Amino acid sequence: QLQLVESGGGVVQAGGSLRLSCAASGNIRTFTAMGWYRQAPGKEREFVAGTYAAGRAKYADSVKGRFTVSRDSGKNTVHLQMDRVVHEDAGVYYCNARLGPNDTWGQGTLVAVSS
């Protein structure tokens, strides 16, 4: 059974950078998509960024130009590089892997943004 483990969360100053990682227990080349979602307190989980076949990437408008998602297939890891972080980026970040209709989620990693 696939497992996803996120790491890299913590406190980041507004305007700063943070890098999240998601390590998968299986071969990530088999997945249709892998990416990141986040959930802020009192809000629904929302899409942040995803990677797809042939190296395509997609971003939420709110993070476009500031965040970069990437896959390291050799290490079965997906990263989210967060630059120019703003307060609205705070929340629990979840790694997601999709294969057909099935989604697998990590346990989440918390990102807090300080002034």
Protein backbone atom coordinates (compact mmCIF):
# COMPACT_ATOMS: atom_id res chain seq x y z
CA GLN A 1 0.00 0.00 0.00
CA LEU A 2 1.32 3.39 -0.98
CA GLN A 3 2.35 5.74 1.79
CA LEU A 4 3.19 9.41 1.51
CA VAL A 5 5.21 11.19 4.18
CA GLU A 6 5.56 14.95 4.15
CA SER A 7 8.37 16.91 5.74
CA GLY A 8 9.81 20.41 5.77
CA GLY A 9 6.99 22.32 7.42
CA GLY A 10 7.65 24.89 10.11
CA VAL A 11 7.59 28.60 10.77
CA VAL A 12 8.63 30.91 7.94
CA GLN A 13 8.81 34.66 7.96
CA ALA A 14 6.61 36.51 5.50
CA GLY A 15 8.66 37.07 2.37
CA GLY A 16 10.85 34.08 3.11
CA SER A 17 11.15 30.61 1.64
CA LEU A 18 10.38 27.07 2.68
CA ARG A 19 10.76 23.73 0.93
CA LEU A 20 8.36 20.88 1.52
CA SER A 21 9.09 17.30 0.55
CA CYS A 22 6.87 14.27 0.08
CA ALA A 23 8.45 10.85 0.09
CA ALA A 24 6.44 8.04 -1.48
CA SER A 25 6.88 4.40 -0.60
CA GLY A 26 6.13 3.35 -4.18
CA ASN A 27 7.36 4.24 -7.66
CA ILE A 28 5.99 7.70 -8.38
CA ARG A 29 6.39 7.22 -12.13
CA THR A 30 3.21 5.16 -12.05
CA PHE A 31 1.03 7.99 -10.78
CA THR A 32 -1.13 10.12 -13.00
CA ALA A 33 -0.52 13.14 -10.85
CA MET A 34 1.24 14.13 -7.67
CA GLY A 35 0.90 17.39 -5.91
CA TRP A 36 0.10 19.50 -2.94
CA TYR A 37 -3.04 20.74 -1.26
CA ARG A 38 -3.41 22.91 1.82
CA GLN A 39 -6.01 23.60 4.45
CA ALA A 40 -6.13 26.76 6.53
CA PRO A 41 -8.05 26.88 9.82
CA GLY A 42 -11.77 27.13 9.18
CA LYS A 43 -11.38 26.64 5.44
CA GLU A 44 -11.72 23.77 3.03
CA ARG A 45 -8.76 21.95 1.60
CA GLU A 46 -7.60 23.59 -1.61
CA PHE A 47 -5.35 22.69 -4.49
CA VAL A 48 -1.91 24.33 -4.47
CA ALA A 49 0.24 22.71 -7.16
CA GLY A 50 0.52 19.48 -9.10
CA THR A 51 2.81 17.62 -11.48
CA TYR A 52 1.49 15.51 -14.35
CA ALA A 53 2.65 13.31 -17.19
CA ALA A 54 5.37 14.65 -19.47
CA GLY A 55 6.54 17.02 -16.76
CA ARG A 56 3.57 19.37 -16.87
CA ALA A 57 2.86 21.43 -13.78
CA LYS A 58 -0.21 23.31 -12.65
CA TYR A 59 -0.57 25.94 -9.94
CA ALA A 60 -3.33 27.69 -8.08
CA ASP A 61 -3.53 31.34 -9.09
CA SER A 62 -2.68 32.40 -5.55
CA VAL A 63 0.76 30.75 -5.68
CA LYS A 64 1.64 31.07 -9.35
CA GLY A 65 5.06 32.65 -9.76
CA ARG A 66 5.98 32.04 -6.12
CA PHE A 67 5.79 28.26 -5.67
CA THR A 68 7.49 25.55 -7.72
CA VAL A 69 6.52 21.89 -7.67
CA SER A 70 8.94 19.24 -8.86
CA ARG A 71 9.36 15.47 -8.96
CA ASP A 72 12.52 13.53 -8.26
CA SER A 73 11.54 10.18 -9.72
CA GLY A 74 14.84 8.61 -8.77
CA LYS A 75 14.08 9.25 -5.10
CA ASN A 76 10.29 8.88 -5.34
CA THR A 77 9.94 12.35 -3.90
CA VAL A 78 7.91 15.41 -4.76
CA HIS A 79 8.96 18.85 -3.57
CA LEU A 80 7.20 22.15 -3.16
CA GLN A 81 9.51 25.16 -3.14
CA MET A 82 7.69 28.07 -1.52
CA ASP A 83 9.17 31.52 -2.15
CA ARG A 84 7.95 35.00 -1.21
CA VAL A 85 5.62 33.42 1.31
CA VAL A 86 2.62 35.48 2.46
CA HIS A 87 0.42 35.09 5.51
CA GLU A 88 -2.33 33.50 3.43
CA ASP A 89 0.01 30.58 2.69
CA ALA A 90 -0.29 29.32 6.27
CA GLY A 91 -1.99 26.00 6.83
CA VAL A 92 -1.52 22.27 6.80
CA TYR A 93 0.00 21.09 3.53
CA TYR A 94 -0.92 17.65 2.25
CA CYS A 95 0.80 15.59 -0.39
CA ASN A 96 -1.48 13.83 -2.85
CA ALA A 97 -0.90 11.02 -5.33
CA ARG A 98 -3.51 10.06 -7.90
CA LEU A 99 -3.78 6.82 -9.84
CA GLY A 100 -6.93 6.60 -11.91
CA PRO A 101 -9.85 7.41 -9.62
CA ASN A 102 -7.89 6.73 -6.45
CA ASP A 103 -6.30 9.34 -4.25
CA THR A 104 -3.69 8.77 -1.56
CA TRP A 105 -2.93 11.44 1.02
CA GLY A 106 -0.10 12.10 3.39
CA GLN A 107 -0.62 13.03 7.02
CA GLY A 108 0.14 16.71 6.41
CA THR A 109 2.81 19.13 7.50
CA LEU A 110 2.10 22.46 9.15
CA VAL A 111 3.29 25.76 7.71
CA ALA A 112 3.03 28.85 9.87
CA VAL A 113 3.88 32.33 8.63
CA SER A 114 5.26 34.96 10.99
CA SER A 115 5.41 38.71 10.50
